[in-house]
mmCIF file of all heavy atoms, coordinates in Angstrom:
data_MODEL
# 
_entry.id   MODEL 
# 
loop_
_atom_site.group_PDB 
_atom_site.id 
_atom_site.type_symbol 
_atom_site.label_atom_id 
_atom_site.label_alt_id 
_atom_site.label_comp_id 
_atom_site.label_asym_id 
_atom_site.label_entity_id 
_atom_site.label_seq_id 
_atom_site.pdbx_PDB_ins_code 
_atom_site.Cartn_x 
_atom_site.Cartn_y 
_atom_site.Cartn_z 
_atom_site.occupancy 
_atom_site.B_iso_or_equiv 
_atom_site.pdbx_formal_charge 
_atom_site.auth_seq_id 
_atom_site.auth_comp_id 
_atom_site.auth_asym_id 
_atom_site.auth_atom_id 
_atom_site.pdbx_PDB_model_num 
ATOM 1   N N   . TYR A 1 1  ? 190.430 186.489 133.020 1.00 0.00 ? 1  TYR A N   1 
ATOM 2   C CA  . TYR A 1 1  ? 190.110 187.342 131.889 1.00 0.00 ? 1  TYR A CA  1 
ATOM 3   C C   . TYR A 1 1  ? 188.674 187.068 131.458 1.00 0.00 ? 1  TYR A C   1 
ATOM 4   O O   . TYR A 1 1  ? 188.248 185.915 131.518 1.00 0.00 ? 1  TYR A O   1 
ATOM 5   C CB  . TYR A 1 1  ? 190.999 187.042 130.701 1.00 0.00 ? 1  TYR A CB  1 
ATOM 6   C CG  . TYR A 1 1  ? 192.439 187.468 130.763 1.00 0.00 ? 1  TYR A CG  1 
ATOM 7   C CD1 . TYR A 1 1  ? 193.277 187.198 129.695 1.00 0.00 ? 1  TYR A CD1 1 
ATOM 8   C CD2 . TYR A 1 1  ? 192.988 188.122 131.874 1.00 0.00 ? 1  TYR A CD2 1 
ATOM 9   C CE1 . TYR A 1 1  ? 194.615 187.544 129.734 1.00 0.00 ? 1  TYR A CE1 1 
ATOM 10  C CE2 . TYR A 1 1  ? 194.296 188.472 131.907 1.00 0.00 ? 1  TYR A CE2 1 
ATOM 11  C CZ  . TYR A 1 1  ? 195.133 188.180 130.850 1.00 0.00 ? 1  TYR A CZ  1 
ATOM 12  O OH  . TYR A 1 1  ? 196.448 188.536 130.864 1.00 0.00 ? 1  TYR A OH  1 
ATOM 13  N N   . LYS A 1 2  ? 187.930 188.087 131.046 1.00 0.00 ? 2  LYS A N   1 
ATOM 14  C CA  . LYS A 1 2  ? 186.623 187.906 130.451 1.00 0.00 ? 2  LYS A CA  1 
ATOM 15  C C   . LYS A 1 2  ? 186.760 187.368 129.027 1.00 0.00 ? 2  LYS A C   1 
ATOM 16  O O   . LYS A 1 2  ? 187.703 187.686 128.347 1.00 0.00 ? 2  LYS A O   1 
ATOM 17  C CB  . LYS A 1 2  ? 185.840 189.216 130.448 1.00 0.00 ? 2  LYS A CB  1 
ATOM 18  C CG  . LYS A 1 2  ? 185.433 189.695 131.827 1.00 0.00 ? 2  LYS A CG  1 
ATOM 19  C CD  . LYS A 1 2  ? 184.623 190.940 131.744 1.00 0.00 ? 2  LYS A CD  1 
ATOM 20  C CE  . LYS A 1 2  ? 184.185 191.359 133.132 1.00 0.00 ? 2  LYS A CE  1 
ATOM 21  N NZ  . LYS A 1 2  ? 183.309 192.498 133.113 1.00 0.00 ? 2  LYS A NZ  1 
ATOM 22  N N   . VAL A 1 3  ? 185.770 186.620 128.619 1.00 0.00 ? 3  VAL A N   1 
ATOM 23  C CA  . VAL A 1 3  ? 185.688 186.153 127.219 1.00 0.00 ? 3  VAL A CA  1 
ATOM 24  C C   . VAL A 1 3  ? 184.824 187.149 126.437 1.00 0.00 ? 3  VAL A C   1 
ATOM 25  O O   . VAL A 1 3  ? 183.649 187.148 126.570 1.00 0.00 ? 3  VAL A O   1 
ATOM 26  C CB  . VAL A 1 3  ? 185.122 184.728 127.162 1.00 0.00 ? 3  VAL A CB  1 
ATOM 27  C CG1 . VAL A 1 3  ? 185.144 184.206 125.714 1.00 0.00 ? 3  VAL A CG1 1 
ATOM 28  C CG2 . VAL A 1 3  ? 185.896 183.819 128.085 1.00 0.00 ? 3  VAL A CG2 1 
ATOM 29  N N   . LYS A 1 4  ? 185.483 187.984 125.644 1.00 0.00 ? 4  LYS A N   1 
ATOM 30  C CA  . LYS A 1 4  ? 184.777 188.996 124.924 1.00 0.00 ? 4  LYS A CA  1 
ATOM 31  C C   . LYS A 1 4  ? 184.524 188.625 123.488 1.00 0.00 ? 4  LYS A C   1 
ATOM 32  O O   . LYS A 1 4  ? 183.481 189.030 122.899 1.00 0.00 ? 4  LYS A O   1 
ATOM 33  C CB  . LYS A 1 4  ? 185.583 190.332 124.947 1.00 0.00 ? 4  LYS A CB  1 
ATOM 34  C CG  . LYS A 1 4  ? 185.753 190.878 126.363 1.00 0.00 ? 4  LYS A CG  1 
ATOM 35  C CD  . LYS A 1 4  ? 186.646 192.134 126.352 1.00 0.00 ? 4  LYS A CD  1 
ATOM 36  C CE  . LYS A 1 4  ? 186.869 192.624 127.725 1.00 0.00 ? 4  LYS A CE  1 
ATOM 37  N NZ  . LYS A 1 4  ? 187.769 193.764 127.761 1.00 0.00 ? 4  LYS A NZ  1 
ATOM 38  N N   . ASN A 1 5  ? 185.372 187.805 122.927 1.00 0.00 ? 5  ASN A N   1 
ATOM 39  C CA  . ASN A 1 5  ? 185.254 187.439 121.485 1.00 0.00 ? 5  ASN A CA  1 
ATOM 40  C C   . ASN A 1 5  ? 184.062 186.506 121.340 1.00 0.00 ? 5  ASN A C   1 
ATOM 41  O O   . ASN A 1 5  ? 184.009 185.443 121.935 1.00 0.00 ? 5  ASN A O   1 
ATOM 42  C CB  . ASN A 1 5  ? 186.548 186.728 121.032 1.00 0.00 ? 5  ASN A CB  1 
ATOM 43  C CG  . ASN A 1 5  ? 186.549 186.404 119.568 1.00 0.00 ? 5  ASN A CG  1 
ATOM 44  O OD1 . ASN A 1 5  ? 185.625 185.772 119.067 1.00 0.00 ? 5  ASN A OD1 1 
ATOM 45  N ND2 . ASN A 1 5  ? 187.620 186.766 118.892 1.00 0.00 ? 5  ASN A ND2 1 
ATOM 46  N N   . PRO A 1 6  ? 183.128 186.842 120.458 1.00 0.00 ? 6  PRO A N   1 
ATOM 47  C CA  . PRO A 1 6  ? 181.911 185.958 120.268 1.00 0.00 ? 6  PRO A CA  1 
ATOM 48  C C   . PRO A 1 6  ? 182.234 184.601 119.721 1.00 0.00 ? 6  PRO A C   1 
ATOM 49  O O   . PRO A 1 6  ? 181.493 183.644 119.998 1.00 0.00 ? 6  PRO A O   1 
ATOM 50  C CB  . PRO A 1 6  ? 181.043 186.770 119.260 1.00 0.00 ? 6  PRO A CB  1 
ATOM 51  C CG  . PRO A 1 6  ? 181.860 187.830 118.711 1.00 0.00 ? 6  PRO A CG  1 
ATOM 52  C CD  . PRO A 1 6  ? 183.050 188.056 119.645 1.00 0.00 ? 6  PRO A CD  1 
ATOM 53  N N   . ASP A 1 7  ? 183.356 184.443 118.997 1.00 0.00 ? 7  ASP A N   1 
ATOM 54  C CA  . ASP A 1 7  ? 183.767 183.126 118.504 1.00 0.00 ? 7  ASP A CA  1 
ATOM 55  C C   . ASP A 1 7  ? 184.264 182.199 119.610 1.00 0.00 ? 7  ASP A C   1 
ATOM 56  O O   . ASP A 1 7  ? 184.146 180.965 119.550 1.00 0.00 ? 7  ASP A O   1 
ATOM 57  C CB  . ASP A 1 7  ? 184.825 183.183 117.437 1.00 0.00 ? 7  ASP A CB  1 
ATOM 58  C CG  . ASP A 1 7  ? 184.334 183.891 116.171 1.00 0.00 ? 7  ASP A CG  1 
ATOM 59  O OD1 . ASP A 1 7  ? 183.075 183.838 115.911 1.00 0.00 ? 7  ASP A OD1 1 
ATOM 60  O OD2 . ASP A 1 7  ? 185.163 184.463 115.451 1.00 0.00 ? 7  ASP A OD2 1 
ATOM 61  N N   . LEU A 1 8  ? 184.795 182.830 120.668 1.00 0.00 ? 8  LEU A N   1 
ATOM 62  C CA  . LEU A 1 8  ? 185.369 182.029 121.786 1.00 0.00 ? 8  LEU A CA  1 
ATOM 63  C C   . LEU A 1 8  ? 184.339 181.716 122.912 1.00 0.00 ? 8  LEU A C   1 
ATOM 64  O O   . LEU A 1 8  ? 184.518 180.734 123.592 1.00 0.00 ? 8  LEU A O   1 
ATOM 65  C CB  . LEU A 1 8  ? 186.551 182.796 122.418 1.00 0.00 ? 8  LEU A CB  1 
ATOM 66  C CG  . LEU A 1 8  ? 187.750 183.072 121.494 1.00 0.00 ? 8  LEU A CG  1 
ATOM 67  C CD1 . LEU A 1 8  ? 188.811 183.763 122.303 1.00 0.00 ? 8  LEU A CD1 1 
ATOM 68  C CD2 . LEU A 1 8  ? 188.239 181.784 120.855 1.00 0.00 ? 8  LEU A CD2 1 
ATOM 69  N N   . LYS A 1 9  ? 183.279 182.480 122.930 1.00 0.00 ? 9  LYS A N   1 
ATOM 70  C CA  . LYS A 1 9  ? 182.271 182.278 124.031 1.00 0.00 ? 9  LYS A CA  1 
ATOM 71  C C   . LYS A 1 9  ? 181.713 180.853 124.059 1.00 0.00 ? 9  LYS A C   1 
ATOM 72  O O   . LYS A 1 9  ? 181.707 180.205 125.140 1.00 0.00 ? 9  LYS A O   1 
ATOM 73  C CB  . LYS A 1 9  ? 181.211 183.324 123.966 1.00 0.00 ? 9  LYS A CB  1 
ATOM 74  C CG  . LYS A 1 9  ? 181.651 184.680 124.458 1.00 0.00 ? 9  LYS A CG  1 
ATOM 75  C CD  . LYS A 1 9  ? 180.560 185.724 124.435 1.00 0.00 ? 9  LYS A CD  1 
ATOM 76  C CE  . LYS A 1 9  ? 181.110 187.031 124.979 1.00 0.00 ? 9  LYS A CE  1 
ATOM 77  N NZ  . LYS A 1 9  ? 180.071 188.050 125.039 1.00 0.00 ? 9  LYS A NZ  1 
ATOM 78  N N   . PRO A 1 10 ? 181.232 180.319 122.952 1.00 0.00 ? 10 PRO A N   1 
ATOM 79  C CA  . PRO A 1 10 ? 180.707 178.931 123.023 1.00 0.00 ? 10 PRO A CA  1 
ATOM 80  C C   . PRO A 1 10 ? 181.779 177.896 123.313 1.00 0.00 ? 10 PRO A C   1 
ATOM 81  O O   . PRO A 1 10 ? 181.525 176.913 124.012 1.00 0.00 ? 10 PRO A O   1 
ATOM 82  C CB  . PRO A 1 10 ? 180.060 178.700 121.649 1.00 0.00 ? 10 PRO A CB  1 
ATOM 83  C CG  . PRO A 1 10 ? 180.647 179.727 120.741 1.00 0.00 ? 10 PRO A CG  1 
ATOM 84  C CD  . PRO A 1 10 ? 181.063 180.878 121.601 1.00 0.00 ? 10 PRO A CD  1 
ATOM 85  N N   . LEU A 1 11 ? 182.964 178.113 122.819 1.00 0.00 ? 11 LEU A N   1 
ATOM 86  C CA  . LEU A 1 11 ? 184.082 177.201 123.141 1.00 0.00 ? 11 LEU A CA  1 
ATOM 87  C C   . LEU A 1 11 ? 184.432 177.220 124.619 1.00 0.00 ? 11 LEU A C   1 
ATOM 88  O O   . LEU A 1 11 ? 184.636 176.192 125.252 1.00 0.00 ? 11 LEU A O   1 
ATOM 89  C CB  . LEU A 1 11 ? 185.301 177.527 122.256 1.00 0.00 ? 11 LEU A CB  1 
ATOM 90  C CG  . LEU A 1 11 ? 185.063 177.505 120.761 1.00 0.00 ? 11 LEU A CG  1 
ATOM 91  C CD1 . LEU A 1 11 ? 186.311 178.028 120.038 1.00 0.00 ? 11 LEU A CD1 1 
ATOM 92  C CD2 . LEU A 1 11 ? 184.722 176.097 120.310 1.00 0.00 ? 11 LEU A CD2 1 
ATOM 93  N N   . HIS A 1 12 ? 184.473 178.422 125.150 1.00 0.00 ? 12 HIS A N   1 
ATOM 94  C CA  . HIS A 1 12 ? 184.752 178.587 126.582 1.00 0.00 ? 12 HIS A CA  1 
ATOM 95  C C   . HIS A 1 12 ? 183.658 177.932 127.426 1.00 0.00 ? 12 HIS A C   1 
ATOM 96  O O   . HIS A 1 12 ? 183.930 177.206 128.404 1.00 0.00 ? 12 HIS A O   1 
ATOM 97  C CB  . HIS A 1 12 ? 184.857 180.110 126.927 1.00 0.00 ? 12 HIS A CB  1 
ATOM 98  C CG  . HIS A 1 12 ? 185.097 180.350 128.356 1.00 0.00 ? 12 HIS A CG  1 
ATOM 99  N ND1 . HIS A 1 12 ? 184.105 180.670 129.257 1.00 0.00 ? 12 HIS A ND1 1 
ATOM 100 C CD2 . HIS A 1 12 ? 186.287 180.392 129.091 1.00 0.00 ? 12 HIS A CD2 1 
ATOM 101 C CE1 . HIS A 1 12 ? 184.649 180.832 130.472 1.00 0.00 ? 12 HIS A CE1 1 
ATOM 102 N NE2 . HIS A 1 12 ? 185.963 180.658 130.383 1.00 0.00 ? 12 HIS A NE2 1 
ATOM 103 N N   . GLN A 1 13 ? 182.431 178.116 127.051 1.00 0.00 ? 13 GLN A N   1 
ATOM 104 C CA  . GLN A 1 13 ? 181.309 177.481 127.777 1.00 0.00 ? 13 GLN A CA  1 
ATOM 105 C C   . GLN A 1 13 ? 181.396 176.003 127.746 1.00 0.00 ? 13 GLN A C   1 
ATOM 106 O O   . GLN A 1 13 ? 181.226 175.279 128.766 1.00 0.00 ? 13 GLN A O   1 
ATOM 107 C CB  . GLN A 1 13 ? 179.965 177.967 127.206 1.00 0.00 ? 13 GLN A CB  1 
ATOM 108 C CG  . GLN A 1 13 ? 178.777 177.410 127.941 1.00 0.00 ? 13 GLN A CG  1 
ATOM 109 C CD  . GLN A 1 13 ? 178.716 177.847 129.385 1.00 0.00 ? 13 GLN A CD  1 
ATOM 110 O OE1 . GLN A 1 13 ? 179.150 178.977 129.755 1.00 0.00 ? 13 GLN A OE1 1 
ATOM 111 N NE2 . GLN A 1 13 ? 178.276 176.974 130.275 1.00 0.00 ? 13 GLN A NE2 1 
ATOM 112 N N   . ARG A 1 14 ? 181.680 175.396 126.540 1.00 0.00 ? 14 ARG A N   1 
ATOM 113 C CA  . ARG A 1 14 ? 181.817 173.969 126.480 1.00 0.00 ? 14 ARG A CA  1 
ATOM 114 C C   . ARG A 1 14 ? 182.942 173.472 127.332 1.00 0.00 ? 14 ARG A C   1 
ATOM 115 O O   . ARG A 1 14 ? 182.842 172.428 128.030 1.00 0.00 ? 14 ARG A O   1 
ATOM 116 C CB  . ARG A 1 14 ? 182.076 173.555 124.995 1.00 0.00 ? 14 ARG A CB  1 
ATOM 117 C CG  . ARG A 1 14 ? 180.816 173.255 124.280 1.00 0.00 ? 14 ARG A CG  1 
ATOM 118 C CD  . ARG A 1 14 ? 180.964 172.753 122.869 1.00 0.00 ? 14 ARG A CD  1 
ATOM 119 N NE  . ARG A 1 14 ? 182.112 171.925 122.567 1.00 0.00 ? 14 ARG A NE  1 
ATOM 120 C CZ  . ARG A 1 14 ? 182.822 171.948 121.438 1.00 0.00 ? 14 ARG A CZ  1 
ATOM 121 N NH1 . ARG A 1 14 ? 182.481 172.839 120.475 1.00 0.00 ? 14 ARG A NH1 1 
ATOM 122 N NH2 . ARG A 1 14 ? 183.788 171.110 121.202 1.00 0.00 ? 14 ARG A NH2 1 
ATOM 123 N N   . ALA A 1 15 ? 184.086 174.172 127.344 1.00 0.00 ? 15 ALA A N   1 
ATOM 124 C CA  . ALA A 1 15 ? 185.242 173.785 128.136 1.00 0.00 ? 15 ALA A CA  1 
ATOM 125 C C   . ALA A 1 15 ? 184.865 173.795 129.588 1.00 0.00 ? 15 ALA A C   1 
ATOM 126 O O   . ALA A 1 15 ? 185.186 172.862 130.348 1.00 0.00 ? 15 ALA A O   1 
ATOM 127 C CB  . ALA A 1 15 ? 186.426 174.675 127.859 1.00 0.00 ? 15 ALA A CB  1 
ATOM 128 N N   . ARG A 1 16 ? 184.219 174.868 130.076 1.00 0.00 ? 16 ARG A N   1 
ATOM 129 C CA  . ARG A 1 16 ? 183.816 174.959 131.469 1.00 0.00 ? 16 ARG A CA  1 
ATOM 130 C C   . ARG A 1 16 ? 182.889 173.799 131.892 1.00 0.00 ? 16 ARG A C   1 
ATOM 131 O O   . ARG A 1 16 ? 183.000 173.257 132.989 1.00 0.00 ? 16 ARG A O   1 
ATOM 132 C CB  . ARG A 1 16 ? 183.151 176.289 131.793 1.00 0.00 ? 16 ARG A CB  1 
ATOM 133 C CG  . ARG A 1 16 ? 184.055 177.527 131.561 1.00 0.00 ? 16 ARG A CG  1 
ATOM 134 C CD  . ARG A 1 16 ? 185.261 177.594 132.413 1.00 0.00 ? 16 ARG A CD  1 
ATOM 135 N NE  . ARG A 1 16 ? 184.852 177.548 133.838 1.00 0.00 ? 16 ARG A NE  1 
ATOM 136 C CZ  . ARG A 1 16 ? 185.679 177.260 134.849 1.00 0.00 ? 16 ARG A CZ  1 
ATOM 137 N NH1 . ARG A 1 16 ? 186.931 176.948 134.571 1.00 0.00 ? 16 ARG A NH1 1 
ATOM 138 N NH2 . ARG A 1 16 ? 185.276 177.186 136.065 1.00 0.00 ? 16 ARG A NH2 1 
ATOM 139 N N   . GLU A 1 17 ? 181.963 173.448 130.989 1.00 0.00 ? 17 GLU A N   1 
ATOM 140 C CA  . GLU A 1 17 ? 181.039 172.316 131.300 1.00 0.00 ? 17 GLU A CA  1 
ATOM 141 C C   . GLU A 1 17 ? 181.824 171.007 131.393 1.00 0.00 ? 17 GLU A C   1 
ATOM 142 O O   . GLU A 1 17 ? 181.531 170.194 132.261 1.00 0.00 ? 17 GLU A O   1 
ATOM 143 C CB  . GLU A 1 17 ? 179.977 172.253 130.208 1.00 0.00 ? 17 GLU A CB  1 
ATOM 144 C CG  . GLU A 1 17 ? 178.969 173.392 130.280 1.00 0.00 ? 17 GLU A CG  1 
ATOM 145 C CD  . GLU A 1 17 ? 178.098 173.469 129.041 1.00 0.00 ? 17 GLU A CD  1 
ATOM 146 O OE1 . GLU A 1 17 ? 178.200 172.643 128.123 1.00 0.00 ? 17 GLU A OE1 1 
ATOM 147 O OE2 . GLU A 1 17 ? 177.287 174.426 128.975 1.00 0.00 ? 17 GLU A OE2 1 
ATOM 148 N N   . MET A 1 18 ? 182.765 170.815 130.505 1.00 0.00 ? 18 MET A N   1 
ATOM 149 C CA  . MET A 1 18 ? 183.565 169.583 130.537 1.00 0.00 ? 18 MET A CA  1 
ATOM 150 C C   . MET A 1 18 ? 184.441 169.560 131.797 1.00 0.00 ? 18 MET A C   1 
ATOM 151 O O   . MET A 1 18 ? 184.560 168.530 132.487 1.00 0.00 ? 18 MET A O   1 
ATOM 152 C CB  . MET A 1 18 ? 184.389 169.435 129.304 1.00 0.00 ? 18 MET A CB  1 
ATOM 153 C CG  . MET A 1 18 ? 183.550 169.229 128.058 1.00 0.00 ? 18 MET A CG  1 
ATOM 154 S SD  . MET A 1 18 ? 184.527 169.343 126.513 1.00 0.00 ? 18 MET A SD  1 
ATOM 155 C CE  . MET A 1 18 ? 185.172 167.668 126.455 1.00 0.00 ? 18 MET A CE  1 
ATOM 156 N N   . ILE A 1 19 ? 185.080 170.652 132.141 1.00 0.00 ? 19 ILE A N   1 
ATOM 157 C CA  . ILE A 1 19 ? 185.954 170.779 133.323 1.00 0.00 ? 19 ILE A CA  1 
ATOM 158 C C   . ILE A 1 19 ? 185.189 170.416 134.589 1.00 0.00 ? 19 ILE A C   1 
ATOM 159 O O   . ILE A 1 19 ? 185.698 169.760 135.480 1.00 0.00 ? 19 ILE A O   1 
ATOM 160 C CB  . ILE A 1 19 ? 186.621 172.158 133.383 1.00 0.00 ? 19 ILE A CB  1 
ATOM 161 C CG1 . ILE A 1 19 ? 187.619 172.322 132.253 1.00 0.00 ? 19 ILE A CG1 1 
ATOM 162 C CG2 . ILE A 1 19 ? 187.233 172.403 134.750 1.00 0.00 ? 19 ILE A CG2 1 
ATOM 163 C CD1 . ILE A 1 19 ? 188.092 173.755 132.036 1.00 0.00 ? 19 ILE A CD1 1 
ATOM 164 N N   . ALA A 1 20 ? 183.947 170.810 134.670 1.00 0.00 ? 20 ALA A N   1 
ATOM 165 C CA  . ALA A 1 20 ? 183.109 170.543 135.849 1.00 0.00 ? 20 ALA A CA  1 
ATOM 166 C C   . ALA A 1 20 ? 182.921 169.046 136.113 1.00 0.00 ? 20 ALA A C   1 
ATOM 167 O O   . ALA A 1 20 ? 182.608 168.643 137.221 1.00 0.00 ? 20 ALA A O   1 
ATOM 168 C CB  . ALA A 1 20 ? 181.750 171.228 135.704 1.00 0.00 ? 20 ALA A CB  1 
ATOM 169 N N   . ARG A 1 21 ? 183.192 168.217 135.115 1.00 0.00 ? 21 ARG A N   1 
ATOM 170 C CA  . ARG A 1 21 ? 183.022 166.768 135.252 1.00 0.00 ? 21 ARG A CA  1 
ATOM 171 C C   . ARG A 1 21 ? 184.244 166.098 135.850 1.00 0.00 ? 21 ARG A C   1 
ATOM 172 O O   . ARG A 1 21 ? 184.196 164.906 136.151 1.00 0.00 ? 21 ARG A O   1 
ATOM 173 C CB  . ARG A 1 21 ? 182.680 166.157 133.888 1.00 0.00 ? 21 ARG A CB  1 
ATOM 174 C CG  . ARG A 1 21 ? 181.347 166.684 133.387 1.00 0.00 ? 21 ARG A CG  1 
ATOM 175 C CD  . ARG A 1 21 ? 181.055 166.361 131.952 1.00 0.00 ? 21 ARG A CD  1 
ATOM 176 N NE  . ARG A 1 21 ? 181.147 164.933 131.653 1.00 0.00 ? 21 ARG A NE  1 
ATOM 177 C CZ  . ARG A 1 21 ? 181.172 164.438 130.419 1.00 0.00 ? 21 ARG A CZ  1 
ATOM 178 N NH1 . ARG A 1 21 ? 181.113 165.279 129.390 1.00 0.00 ? 21 ARG A NH1 1 
ATOM 179 N NH2 . ARG A 1 21 ? 181.278 163.172 130.199 1.00 0.00 ? 21 ARG A NH2 1 
ATOM 180 N N   . PHE A 1 22 ? 185.364 166.801 136.036 1.00 0.00 ? 22 PHE A N   1 
ATOM 181 C CA  . PHE A 1 22 ? 186.551 166.216 136.618 1.00 0.00 ? 22 PHE A CA  1 
ATOM 182 C C   . PHE A 1 22 ? 186.522 166.327 138.131 1.00 0.00 ? 22 PHE A C   1 
ATOM 183 O O   . PHE A 1 22 ? 185.976 167.288 138.663 1.00 0.00 ? 22 PHE A O   1 
ATOM 184 C CB  . PHE A 1 22 ? 187.811 166.964 136.101 1.00 0.00 ? 22 PHE A CB  1 
ATOM 185 C CG  . PHE A 1 22 ? 188.145 166.640 134.661 1.00 0.00 ? 22 PHE A CG  1 
ATOM 186 C CD1 . PHE A 1 22 ? 187.635 167.447 133.642 1.00 0.00 ? 22 PHE A CD1 1 
ATOM 187 C CD2 . PHE A 1 22 ? 188.873 165.541 134.300 1.00 0.00 ? 22 PHE A CD2 1 
ATOM 188 C CE1 . PHE A 1 22 ? 187.896 167.175 132.321 1.00 0.00 ? 22 PHE A CE1 1 
ATOM 189 C CE2 . PHE A 1 22 ? 189.151 165.249 132.963 1.00 0.00 ? 22 PHE A CE2 1 
ATOM 190 C CZ  . PHE A 1 22 ? 188.646 166.060 131.989 1.00 0.00 ? 22 PHE A CZ  1 
ATOM 191 N N   . GLU A 1 23 ? 187.145 165.370 138.824 1.00 0.00 ? 23 GLU A N   1 
ATOM 192 C CA  . GLU A 1 23 ? 187.279 165.462 140.243 1.00 0.00 ? 23 GLU A CA  1 
ATOM 193 C C   . GLU A 1 23 ? 188.241 166.572 140.620 1.00 0.00 ? 23 GLU A C   1 
ATOM 194 O O   . GLU A 1 23 ? 188.036 167.294 141.598 1.00 0.00 ? 23 GLU A O   1 
ATOM 195 C CB  . GLU A 1 23 ? 187.789 164.148 140.809 1.00 0.00 ? 23 GLU A CB  1 
ATOM 196 C CG  . GLU A 1 23 ? 186.797 163.024 140.797 1.00 0.00 ? 23 GLU A CG  1 
ATOM 197 C CD  . GLU A 1 23 ? 187.357 161.701 141.293 1.00 0.00 ? 23 GLU A CD  1 
ATOM 198 O OE1 . GLU A 1 23 ? 188.445 161.715 141.969 1.00 0.00 ? 23 GLU A OE1 1 
ATOM 199 O OE2 . GLU A 1 23 ? 186.727 160.633 141.035 1.00 0.00 ? 23 GLU A OE2 1 
ATOM 200 N N   . ALA A 1 24 ? 189.319 166.684 139.831 1.00 0.00 ? 24 ALA A N   1 
ATOM 201 C CA  . ALA A 1 24 ? 190.348 167.722 140.048 1.00 0.00 ? 24 ALA A CA  1 
ATOM 202 C C   . ALA A 1 24 ? 190.830 168.218 138.713 1.00 0.00 ? 24 ALA A C   1 
ATOM 203 O O   . ALA A 1 24 ? 191.075 167.394 137.807 1.00 0.00 ? 24 ALA A O   1 
ATOM 204 C CB  . ALA A 1 24 ? 191.459 167.183 140.919 1.00 0.00 ? 24 ALA A CB  1 
# 
């Protein structure tokens, strides 16, 4: 799903950046 809500966009971005730091 696309992130359309402007309140969720920065939270989604932070989550994706944190997720990238995991091996799995």
